[in-house]
All heavy atoms as atom14 arrays in JSON, in Angstrom:
{
  "sequence": "EPVAAELGALTEKLINPAFTNIAGRSSNAVNAVNNVLAVLLESDAQ",
  "atom14_mask": [
    [1, 1, 1, 1, 1, 1, 1, 1, 1, 0, 0, 0, 0, 0],
    [1, 1, 1, 1, 1, 1, 1, 0, 0, 0, 0, 0, 0, 0],
    [1, 1, 1, 1, 1, 1, 1, 0, 0, 0, 0, 0, 0, 0],
    [1, 1, 1, 1, 1, 0, 0, 0, 0, 0, 0, 0, 0, 0],
    [1, 1, 1, 1, 1, 0, 0, 0, 0, 0, 0, 0, 0, 0],
    [1, 1, 1, 1, 1, 1, 1, 1, 1, 0, 0, 0, 0, 0],
    [1, 1, 1, 1, 1, 1, 1, 1, 0, 0, 0, 0, 0, 0],
    [1, 1, 1, 1, 0, 0, 0, 0, 0, 0, 0, 0, 0, 0],
    [1, 1, 1, 1, 1, 0, 0, 0, 0, 0, 0, 0, 0, 0],
    [1, 1, 1, 1, 1, 1, 1, 1, 0, 0, 0, 0, 0, 0],
    [1, 1, 1, 1, 1, 1, 1, 0, 0, 0, 0, 0, 0, 0],
    [1, 1, 1, 1, 1, 1, 1, 1, 1, 0, 0, 0, 0, 0],
    [1, 1, 1, 1, 1, 1, 1, 1, 1, 0, 0, 0, 0, 0],
    [1, 1, 1, 1, 1, 1, 1, 1, 0, 0, 0, 0, 0, 0],
    [1, 1, 1, 1, 1, 1, 1, 1, 0, 0, 0, 0, 0, 0],
    [1, 1, 1, 1, 1, 1, 1, 1, 0, 0, 0, 0, 0, 0],
    [1, 1, 1, 1, 1, 1, 1, 0, 0, 0, 0, 0, 0, 0],
    [1, 1, 1, 1, 1, 0, 0, 0, 0, 0, 0, 0, 0, 0],
    [1, 1, 1, 1, 1, 1, 1, 1, 1, 1, 1, 0, 0, 0],
    [1, 1, 1, 1, 1, 1, 1, 0, 0, 0, 0, 0, 0, 0],
    [1, 1, 1, 1, 1, 1, 1, 1, 0, 0, 0, 0, 0, 0],
    [1, 1, 1, 1, 1, 1, 1, 1, 0, 0, 0, 0, 0, 0],
    [1, 1, 1, 1, 1, 0, 0, 0, 0, 0, 0, 0, 0, 0],
    [1, 1, 1, 1, 0, 0, 0, 0, 0, 0, 0, 0, 0, 0],
    [1, 1, 1, 1, 1, 1, 1, 1, 1, 1, 1, 0, 0, 0],
    [1, 1, 1, 1, 1, 1, 0, 0, 0, 0, 0, 0, 0, 0],
    [1, 1, 1, 1, 1, 1, 0, 0, 0, 0, 0, 0, 0, 0],
    [1, 1, 1, 1, 1, 1, 1, 1, 0, 0, 0, 0, 0, 0],
    [1, 1, 1, 1, 1, 0, 0, 0, 0, 0, 0, 0, 0, 0],
    [1, 1, 1, 1, 1, 1, 1, 0, 0, 0, 0, 0, 0, 0],
    [1, 1, 1, 1, 1, 1, 1, 1, 0, 0, 0, 0, 0, 0],
    [1, 1, 1, 1, 1, 0, 0, 0, 0, 0, 0, 0, 0, 0],
    [1, 1, 1, 1, 1, 1, 1, 0, 0, 0, 0, 0, 0, 0],
    [1, 1, 1, 1, 1, 1, 1, 1, 0, 0, 0, 0, 0, 0],
    [1, 1, 1, 1, 1, 1, 1, 1, 0, 0, 0, 0, 0, 0],
    [1, 1, 1, 1, 1, 1, 1, 0, 0, 0, 0, 0, 0, 0],
    [1, 1, 1, 1, 1, 1, 1, 1, 0, 0, 0, 0, 0, 0],
    [1, 1, 1, 1, 1, 0, 0, 0, 0, 0, 0, 0, 0, 0],
    [1, 1, 1, 1, 1, 1, 1, 0, 0, 0, 0, 0, 0, 0],
    [1, 1, 1, 1, 1, 1, 1, 1, 0, 0, 0, 0, 0, 0],
    [1, 1, 1, 1, 1, 1, 1, 1, 0, 0, 0, 0, 0, 0],
    [1, 1, 1, 1, 1, 1, 1, 1, 1, 0, 0, 0, 0, 0],
    [1, 1, 1, 1, 1, 1, 0, 0, 0, 0, 0, 0, 0, 0],
    [1, 1, 1, 1, 1, 1, 1, 1, 0, 0, 0, 0, 0, 0],
    [1, 1, 1, 1, 1, 0, 0, 0, 0, 0, 0, 0, 0, 0],
    [1, 1, 1, 1, 1, 1, 1, 1, 1, 0, 0, 0, 0, 0]
  ],
  "atom14_positions": [
    [[-8.6, -95.56, 39.01], [-9.32, -95.34, 40.26], [-8.57, -94.39, 41.21], [-9.21, -93.51, 41.8], [-9.59, -96.68, 40.95], [-10.41, -96.59, 42.21], [-11.77, -95.92, 41.99], [-12.4, -96.15, 40.94], [-12.2, -95.17, 42.88], [0.0, 0.0, 0.0], [0.0, 0.0, 0.0], [0.0, 0.0, 0.0], [0.0, 0.0, 0.0], [0.0, 0.0, 0.0]],
    [[-7.25, -94.49, 41.36], [-6.57, -93.56, 42.29], [-6.7, -92.09, 41.82], [-6.89, -91.2, 42.64], [-5.12, -94.01, 42.29], [-5.14, -95.41, 41.79], [-6.33, -95.53, 40.89], [0.0, 0.0, 0.0], [0.0, 0.0, 0.0], [0.0, 0.0, 0.0], [0.0, 0.0, 0.0], [0.0, 0.0, 0.0], [0.0, 0.0, 0.0], [0.0, 0.0, 0.0]],
    [[-6.61, -91.85, 40.52], [-6.73, -90.49, 40.0], [-8.16, -90.0, 40.19], [-8.38, -88.85, 40.62], [-6.32, -90.44, 38.5], [-6.58, -89.05, 37.92], [-4.87, -90.83, 38.32], [0.0, 0.0, 0.0], [0.0, 0.0, 0.0], [0.0, 0.0, 0.0], [0.0, 0.0, 0.0], [0.0, 0.0, 0.0], [0.0, 0.0, 0.0], [0.0, 0.0, 0.0]],
    [[-9.12, -90.82, 39.89], [-10.53, -90.45, 40.08], [-10.8, -90.14, 41.55], [-11.51, -89.17, 41.88], [-11.44, -91.56, 39.58], [0.0, 0.0, 0.0], [0.0, 0.0, 0.0], [0.0, 0.0, 0.0], [0.0, 0.0, 0.0], [0.0, 0.0, 0.0], [0.0, 0.0, 0.0], [0.0, 0.0, 0.0], [0.0, 0.0, 0.0], [0.0, 0.0, 0.0]],
    [[-10.23, -90.92, 42.45], [-10.43, -90.7, 43.9], [-9.81, -89.36, 44.31], [-10.41, -88.61, 45.09], [-9.83, -91.84, 44.69], [0.0, 0.0, 0.0], [0.0, 0.0, 0.0], [0.0, 0.0, 0.0], [0.0, 0.0, 0.0], [0.0, 0.0, 0.0], [0.0, 0.0, 0.0], [0.0, 0.0, 0.0], [0.0, 0.0, 0.0], [0.0, 0.0, 0.0]],
    [[-8.65, -89.06, 43.8], [-7.98, -87.79, 44.14], [-8.74, -86.6, 43.55], [-8.85, -85.55, 44.2], [-6.53, -87.78, 43.65], [-5.61, -88.7, 44.44], [-5.59, -88.36, 45.93], [-5.48, -87.16, 46.28], [-5.7, -89.29, 46.75], [0.0, 0.0, 0.0], [0.0, 0.0, 0.0], [0.0, 0.0, 0.0], [0.0, 0.0, 0.0], [0.0, 0.0, 0.0]],
    [[-9.27, -86.74, 42.35], [-10.09, -85.68, 41.77], [-11.34, -85.45, 42.61], [-11.75, -84.3, 42.85], [-10.47, -86.0, 40.32], [-9.38, -85.78, 39.28], [-9.83, -86.33, 37.92], [-9.02, -84.31, 39.16], [0.0, 0.0, 0.0], [0.0, 0.0, 0.0], [0.0, 0.0, 0.0], [0.0, 0.0, 0.0], [0.0, 0.0, 0.0], [0.0, 0.0, 0.0]],
    [[-11.94, -86.53, 43.08], [-13.11, -86.42, 43.95], [-12.78, -85.7, 45.24], [-13.53, -84.85, 45.72], [0.0, 0.0, 0.0], [0.0, 0.0, 0.0], [0.0, 0.0, 0.0], [0.0, 0.0, 0.0], [0.0, 0.0, 0.0], [0.0, 0.0, 0.0], [0.0, 0.0, 0.0], [0.0, 0.0, 0.0], [0.0, 0.0, 0.0], [0.0, 0.0, 0.0]],
    [[-11.63, -86.08, 45.83], [-11.21, -85.44, 47.09], [-10.9, -83.96, 46.87], [-11.26, -83.11, 47.7], [-9.99, -86.17, 47.65], [0.0, 0.0, 0.0], [0.0, 0.0, 0.0], [0.0, 0.0, 0.0], [0.0, 0.0, 0.0], [0.0, 0.0, 0.0], [0.0, 0.0, 0.0], [0.0, 0.0, 0.0], [0.0, 0.0, 0.0], [0.0, 0.0, 0.0]],
    [[-10.23, -83.67, 45.74], [-9.91, -82.27, 45.42], [-11.19, -81.45, 45.28], [-11.3, -80.35, 45.82], [-9.11, -82.2, 44.11], [-8.82, -80.81, 43.58], [-7.81, -80.11, 44.46], [-8.33, -80.89, 42.15], [0.0, 0.0, 0.0], [0.0, 0.0, 0.0], [0.0, 0.0, 0.0], [0.0, 0.0, 0.0], [0.0, 0.0, 0.0], [0.0, 0.0, 0.0]],
    [[-12.16, -82.03, 44.58], [-13.43, -81.35, 44.39], [-14.14, -81.13, 45.74], [-14.63, -80.04, 46.03], [-14.34, -82.17, 43.45], [-13.68, -82.29, 42.2], [-15.67, -81.49, 43.25], [0.0, 0.0, 0.0], [0.0, 0.0, 0.0], [0.0, 0.0, 0.0], [0.0, 0.0, 0.0], [0.0, 0.0, 0.0], [0.0, 0.0, 0.0], [0.0, 0.0, 0.0]],
    [[-14.16, -82.18, 46.54], [-14.89, -82.11, 47.81], [-14.22, -81.17, 48.81], [-14.9, -80.42, 49.52], [-14.97, -83.51, 48.41], [-15.76, -83.57, 49.69], [-15.81, -85.0, 50.25], [-15.93, -85.95, 49.46], [-15.69, -85.12, 51.48], [0.0, 0.0, 0.0], [0.0, 0.0, 0.0], [0.0, 0.0, 0.0], [0.0, 0.0, 0.0], [0.0, 0.0, 0.0]],
    [[-12.88, -81.19, 48.88], [-12.18, -80.43, 49.92], [-11.8, -79.02, 49.51], [-11.69, -78.14, 50.38], [-10.93, -81.2, 50.36], [-11.28, -82.47, 51.09], [-10.05, -83.19, 51.57], [-10.49, -84.47, 52.28], [-9.38, -85.32, 52.61], [0.0, 0.0, 0.0], [0.0, 0.0, 0.0], [0.0, 0.0, 0.0], [0.0, 0.0, 0.0], [0.0, 0.0, 0.0]],
    [[-11.59, -78.77, 48.23], [-11.13, -77.45, 47.81], [-12.08, -76.71, 46.86], [-12.45, -75.58, 47.12], [-9.74, -77.55, 47.15], [-8.6, -78.0, 48.05], [-7.33, -78.15, 47.25], [-8.39, -77.0, 49.17], [0.0, 0.0, 0.0], [0.0, 0.0, 0.0], [0.0, 0.0, 0.0], [0.0, 0.0, 0.0], [0.0, 0.0, 0.0], [0.0, 0.0, 0.0]],
    [[-12.41, -77.37, 45.78], [-13.16, -76.67, 44.73], [-14.58, -76.32, 45.17], [-14.99, -75.16, 45.08], [-13.16, -77.5, 43.43], [-11.73, -77.62, 42.91], [-14.06, -76.87, 42.39], [-11.55, -78.53, 41.72], [0.0, 0.0, 0.0], [0.0, 0.0, 0.0], [0.0, 0.0, 0.0], [0.0, 0.0, 0.0], [0.0, 0.0, 0.0], [0.0, 0.0, 0.0]],
    [[-15.33, -77.31, 45.66], [-16.71, -77.04, 46.09], [-16.79, -75.98, 47.19], [-17.59, -75.06, 47.1], [-17.42, -78.31, 46.5], [-17.84, -79.17, 45.32], [-17.78, -78.74, 44.18], [-18.26, -80.39, 45.6], [0.0, 0.0, 0.0], [0.0, 0.0, 0.0], [0.0, 0.0, 0.0], [0.0, 0.0, 0.0], [0.0, 0.0, 0.0], [0.0, 0.0, 0.0]],
    [[-15.98, -76.08, 48.26], [-16.05, -75.05, 49.29], [-15.69, -73.66, 48.75], [-16.33, -72.66, 49.13], [-15.04, -75.5, 50.35], [-14.94, -76.98, 50.17], [-15.12, -77.19, 48.68], [0.0, 0.0, 0.0], [0.0, 0.0, 0.0], [0.0, 0.0, 0.0], [0.0, 0.0, 0.0], [0.0, 0.0, 0.0], [0.0, 0.0, 0.0], [0.0, 0.0, 0.0]],
    [[-14.71, -73.58, 47.88], [-14.3, -72.26, 47.34], [-15.42, -71.67, 46.48], [-15.77, -70.48, 46.64], [-13.03, -72.41, 46.51], [0.0, 0.0, 0.0], [0.0, 0.0, 0.0], [0.0, 0.0, 0.0], [0.0, 0.0, 0.0], [0.0, 0.0, 0.0], [0.0, 0.0, 0.0], [0.0, 0.0, 0.0], [0.0, 0.0, 0.0], [0.0, 0.0, 0.0]],
    [[-15.98, -72.47, 45.6], [-17.08, -71.99, 44.74], [-18.3, -71.6, 45.57], [-18.94, -70.59, 45.33], [-17.47, -73.05, 43.72], [-16.66, -73.01, 42.45], [-15.4, -73.59, 42.39], [-17.16, -72.41, 41.31], [-14.66, -73.55, 41.22], [-16.43, -72.37, 40.13], [-15.16, -72.94, 40.09], [0.0, 0.0, 0.0], [0.0, 0.0, 0.0], [0.0, 0.0, 0.0]],
    [[-18.6, -72.42, 46.57], [-19.75, -72.12, 47.44], [-19.52, -70.85, 48.22], [-20.44, -70.03, 48.38], [-20.01, -73.31, 48.38], [-20.22, -74.48, 47.59], [-21.21, -73.07, 49.28], [0.0, 0.0, 0.0], [0.0, 0.0, 0.0], [0.0, 0.0, 0.0], [0.0, 0.0, 0.0], [0.0, 0.0, 0.0], [0.0, 0.0, 0.0], [0.0, 0.0, 0.0]],
    [[-18.3, -70.65, 48.7], [-17.95, -69.45, 49.44], [-18.1, -68.21, 48.56], [-18.69, -67.2, 48.98], [-16.52, -69.56, 49.96], [-16.14, -68.43, 50.89], [-16.98, -67.72, 51.4], [-14.87, -68.27, 51.1], [0.0, 0.0, 0.0], [0.0, 0.0, 0.0], [0.0, 0.0, 0.0], [0.0, 0.0, 0.0], [0.0, 0.0, 0.0], [0.0, 0.0, 0.0]],
    [[-17.6, -68.3, 47.34], [-17.71, -67.15, 46.42], [-19.17, -66.85, 46.12], [-19.59, -65.69, 46.18], [-16.93, -67.45, 45.11], [-15.43, -67.49, 45.39], [-17.24, -66.4, 44.05], [-14.6, -68.07, 44.25], [0.0, 0.0, 0.0], [0.0, 0.0, 0.0], [0.0, 0.0, 0.0], [0.0, 0.0, 0.0], [0.0, 0.0, 0.0], [0.0, 0.0, 0.0]],
    [[-19.94, -67.87, 45.81], [-21.37, -67.67, 45.51], [-22.11, -67.09, 46.7], [-22.91, -66.17, 46.56], [-22.0, -68.99, 45.07], [0.0, 0.0, 0.0], [0.0, 0.0, 0.0], [0.0, 0.0, 0.0], [0.0, 0.0, 0.0], [0.0, 0.0, 0.0], [0.0, 0.0, 0.0], [0.0, 0.0, 0.0], [0.0, 0.0, 0.0], [0.0, 0.0, 0.0]],
    [[-21.83, -67.62, 47.88], [-22.5, -67.13, 49.08], [-22.16, -65.69, 49.41], [-23.04, -64.88, 49.7], [0.0, 0.0, 0.0], [0.0, 0.0, 0.0], [0.0, 0.0, 0.0], [0.0, 0.0, 0.0], [0.0, 0.0, 0.0], [0.0, 0.0, 0.0], [0.0, 0.0, 0.0], [0.0, 0.0, 0.0], [0.0, 0.0, 0.0], [0.0, 0.0, 0.0]],
    [[-20.88, -65.35, 49.33], [-20.46, -63.96, 49.6], [-21.03, -62.99, 48.58], [-21.47, -61.89, 48.92], [-18.95, -63.86, 49.65], [-18.34, -64.46, 50.88], [-16.82, -64.41, 50.84], [-16.28, -64.96, 52.04], [-15.4, -64.32, 52.8], [-14.95, -63.13, 52.46], [-14.92, -64.89, 53.89], [0.0, 0.0, 0.0], [0.0, 0.0, 0.0], [0.0, 0.0, 0.0]],
    [[-21.01, -63.4, 47.32], [-21.55, -62.54, 46.27], [-23.03, -62.3, 46.47], [-23.52, -61.17, 46.39], [-21.3, -63.15, 44.89], [-19.93, -63.31, 44.65], [0.0, 0.0, 0.0], [0.0, 0.0, 0.0], [0.0, 0.0, 0.0], [0.0, 0.0, 0.0], [0.0, 0.0, 0.0], [0.0, 0.0, 0.0], [0.0, 0.0, 0.0], [0.0, 0.0, 0.0]],
    [[-23.74, -63.36, 46.77], [-25.18, -63.25, 47.0], [-25.47, -62.39, 48.23], [-26.37, -61.54, 48.21], [-25.77, -64.64, 47.16], [-27.16, -64.57, 47.29], [0.0, 0.0, 0.0], [0.0, 0.0, 0.0], [0.0, 0.0, 0.0], [0.0, 0.0, 0.0], [0.0, 0.0, 0.0], [0.0, 0.0, 0.0], [0.0, 0.0, 0.0], [0.0, 0.0, 0.0]],
    [[-24.7, -62.59, 49.3], [-24.87, -61.78, 50.5], [-24.62, -60.3, 50.22], [-25.34, -59.44, 50.73], [-23.96, -62.26, 51.62], [-24.39, -63.59, 52.21], [-25.51, -64.03, 52.0], [-23.49, -64.23, 52.94], [0.0, 0.0, 0.0], [0.0, 0.0, 0.0], [0.0, 0.0, 0.0], [0.0, 0.0, 0.0], [0.0, 0.0, 0.0], [0.0, 0.0, 0.0]],
    [[-23.61, -60.01, 49.42], [-23.28, -58.61, 49.1], [-24.41, -57.98, 48.3], [-24.82, -56.84, 48.58], [-21.97, -58.55, 48.33], [0.0, 0.0, 0.0], [0.0, 0.0, 0.0], [0.0, 0.0, 0.0], [0.0, 0.0, 0.0], [0.0, 0.0, 0.0], [0.0, 0.0, 0.0], [0.0, 0.0, 0.0], [0.0, 0.0, 0.0], [0.0, 0.0, 0.0]],
    [[-24.92, -58.68, 47.31], [-26.03, -58.16, 46.51], [-27.26, -57.93, 47.38], [-27.93, -56.89, 47.28], [-26.33, -59.09, 45.32], [-27.65, -58.73, 44.66], [-25.2, -59.02, 44.3], [0.0, 0.0, 0.0], [0.0, 0.0, 0.0], [0.0, 0.0, 0.0], [0.0, 0.0, 0.0], [0.0, 0.0, 0.0], [0.0, 0.0, 0.0], [0.0, 0.0, 0.0]],
    [[-27.56, -58.88, 48.25], [-28.71, -58.74, 49.14], [-28.54, -57.54, 50.08], [-29.49, -56.8, 50.34], [-28.97, -60.01, 49.93], [-29.5, -61.12, 49.07], [-30.09, -60.88, 48.01], [-29.29, -62.35, 49.5], [0.0, 0.0, 0.0], [0.0, 0.0, 0.0], [0.0, 0.0, 0.0], [0.0, 0.0, 0.0], [0.0, 0.0, 0.0], [0.0, 0.0, 0.0]],
    [[-27.33, -57.36, 50.6], [-27.07, -56.24, 51.51], [-27.26, -54.91, 50.78], [-27.89, -54.0, 51.33], [-25.65, -56.35, 52.07], [0.0, 0.0, 0.0], [0.0, 0.0, 0.0], [0.0, 0.0, 0.0], [0.0, 0.0, 0.0], [0.0, 0.0, 0.0], [0.0, 0.0, 0.0], [0.0, 0.0, 0.0], [0.0, 0.0, 0.0], [0.0, 0.0, 0.0]],
    [[-26.74, -54.8, 49.57], [-26.91, -53.56, 48.8], [-28.38, -53.33, 48.49], [-28.89, -52.2, 48.58], [-26.05, -53.57, 47.52], [-26.37, -52.39, 46.63], [-24.58, -53.59, 47.87], [0.0, 0.0, 0.0], [0.0, 0.0, 0.0], [0.0, 0.0, 0.0], [0.0, 0.0, 0.0], [0.0, 0.0, 0.0], [0.0, 0.0, 0.0], [0.0, 0.0, 0.0]],
    [[-29.09, -54.39, 48.16], [-30.53, -54.28, 47.91], [-31.27, -53.76, 49.15], [-32.13, -52.9, 49.05], [-31.11, -55.65, 47.53], [-31.6, -55.69, 46.12], [-31.92, -54.68, 45.52], [-31.67, -56.88, 45.58], [0.0, 0.0, 0.0], [0.0, 0.0, 0.0], [0.0, 0.0, 0.0], [0.0, 0.0, 0.0], [0.0, 0.0, 0.0], [0.0, 0.0, 0.0]],
    [[-30.91, -54.29, 50.31], [-31.53, -53.85, 51.55], [-31.22, -52.39, 51.86], [-32.09, -51.63, 52.27], [-31.1, -54.73, 52.73], [-31.66, -56.14, 52.64], [-32.64, -56.38, 51.95], [-31.01, -57.07, 53.31], [0.0, 0.0, 0.0], [0.0, 0.0, 0.0], [0.0, 0.0, 0.0], [0.0, 0.0, 0.0], [0.0, 0.0, 0.0], [0.0, 0.0, 0.0]],
    [[-29.97, -51.99, 51.65], [-29.57, -50.6, 51.89], [-30.32, -49.68, 50.94], [-30.79, -48.61, 51.33], [-28.04, -50.43, 51.73], [-27.65, -48.96, 51.68], [-27.32, -51.11, 52.87], [0.0, 0.0, 0.0], [0.0, 0.0, 0.0], [0.0, 0.0, 0.0], [0.0, 0.0, 0.0], [0.0, 0.0, 0.0], [0.0, 0.0, 0.0], [0.0, 0.0, 0.0]],
    [[-30.46, -50.08, 49.7], [-31.18, -49.28, 48.71], [-32.65, -49.12, 49.12], [-33.2, -48.02, 49.04], [-31.07, -49.92, 47.33], [-31.66, -49.14, 46.17], [-31.0, -47.77, 46.04], [-31.49, -49.92, 44.88], [0.0, 0.0, 0.0], [0.0, 0.0, 0.0], [0.0, 0.0, 0.0], [0.0, 0.0, 0.0], [0.0, 0.0, 0.0], [0.0, 0.0, 0.0]],
    [[-33.25, -50.18, 49.6], [-34.65, -50.09, 50.05], [-34.78, -49.14, 51.23], [-35.71, -48.33, 51.28], [-35.16, -51.49, 50.42], [0.0, 0.0, 0.0], [0.0, 0.0, 0.0], [0.0, 0.0, 0.0], [0.0, 0.0, 0.0], [0.0, 0.0, 0.0], [0.0, 0.0, 0.0], [0.0, 0.0, 0.0], [0.0, 0.0, 0.0], [0.0, 0.0, 0.0]],
    [[-33.85, -49.23, 52.18], [-33.88, -48.34, 53.34], [-33.67, -46.89, 52.9], [-34.35, -45.97, 53.37], [-32.8, -48.76, 54.37], [-32.6, -47.68, 55.43], [-33.18, -50.08, 55.02], [0.0, 0.0, 0.0], [0.0, 0.0, 0.0], [0.0, 0.0, 0.0], [0.0, 0.0, 0.0], [0.0, 0.0, 0.0], [0.0, 0.0, 0.0], [0.0, 0.0, 0.0]],
    [[-32.75, -46.68, 51.98], [-32.47, -45.34, 51.47], [-33.71, -44.73, 50.81], [-34.08, -43.58, 51.08], [-31.32, -45.38, 50.48], [-30.95, -44.07, 49.81], [-30.38, -43.1, 50.82], [-29.96, -44.3, 48.69], [0.0, 0.0, 0.0], [0.0, 0.0, 0.0], [0.0, 0.0, 0.0], [0.0, 0.0, 0.0], [0.0, 0.0, 0.0], [0.0, 0.0, 0.0]],
    [[-34.37, -45.5, 49.96], [-35.56, -45.0, 49.28], [-36.68, -44.72, 50.27], [-37.37, -43.7, 50.17], [-36.02, -46.0, 48.21], [-35.08, -46.13, 47.01], [-35.53, -47.27, 46.1], [-34.97, -44.84, 46.24], [0.0, 0.0, 0.0], [0.0, 0.0, 0.0], [0.0, 0.0, 0.0], [0.0, 0.0, 0.0], [0.0, 0.0, 0.0], [0.0, 0.0, 0.0]],
    [[-36.85, -45.61, 51.26], [-37.88, -45.4, 52.27], [-37.56, -44.17, 53.12], [-38.45, -43.37, 53.43], [-37.97, -46.63, 53.16], [-39.1, -46.58, 54.17], [-39.21, -47.86, 54.98], [-39.01, -48.95, 54.43], [-39.5, -47.74, 56.18], [0.0, 0.0, 0.0], [0.0, 0.0, 0.0], [0.0, 0.0, 0.0], [0.0, 0.0, 0.0], [0.0, 0.0, 0.0]],
    [[-36.29, -43.99, 53.46], [-35.88, -42.82, 54.24], [-36.09, -41.52, 53.47], [-36.54, -40.52, 54.03], [-34.41, -42.93, 54.64], [-34.2, -44.06, 55.46], [0.0, 0.0, 0.0], [0.0, 0.0, 0.0], [0.0, 0.0, 0.0], [0.0, 0.0, 0.0], [0.0, 0.0, 0.0], [0.0, 0.0, 0.0], [0.0, 0.0, 0.0], [0.0, 0.0, 0.0]],
    [[-35.73, -41.55, 52.2], [-35.94, -40.35, 51.36], [-37.42, -39.99, 51.31], [-37.79, -38.81, 51.42], [-35.43, -40.58, 49.93], [-33.92, -40.42, 49.82], [-33.3, -39.96, 50.79], [-33.38, -40.77, 48.76], [0.0, 0.0, 0.0], [0.0, 0.0, 0.0], [0.0, 0.0, 0.0], [0.0, 0.0, 0.0], [0.0, 0.0, 0.0], [0.0, 0.0, 0.0]],
    [[-38.26, -40.98, 51.14], [-39.71, -40.72, 51.09], [-40.2, -40.18, 52.43], [-41.0, -39.23, 52.48], [-40.46, -41.99, 50.72], [0.0, 0.0, 0.0], [0.0, 0.0, 0.0], [0.0, 0.0, 0.0], [0.0, 0.0, 0.0], [0.0, 0.0, 0.0], [0.0, 0.0, 0.0], [0.0, 0.0, 0.0], [0.0, 0.0, 0.0], [0.0, 0.0, 0.0]],
    [[-39.71, -40.73, 53.52], [-40.11, -40.27, 54.86], [-39.64, -38.82, 55.09], [-40.4, -37.99, 55.57], [-39.53, -41.19, 55.93], [-39.89, -40.76, 57.35], [-41.38, -40.89, 57.63], [-41.98, -41.87, 57.28], [-41.96, -39.89, 58.27], [0.0, 0.0, 0.0], [0.0, 0.0, 0.0], [0.0, 0.0, 0.0], [0.0, 0.0, 0.0], [0.0, 0.0, 0.0]]
  ]
}
């Protein structure tokens, strides 16, 4: 039980936030590039 509790705490305090941060930043970067690409194509057409 003490090891399982520490693994749970490690997951909750370090691993999950780090993975979530990486996923969120990656997704935000892809979305930003997608938006810039859409603006670029619209500007070129204009």
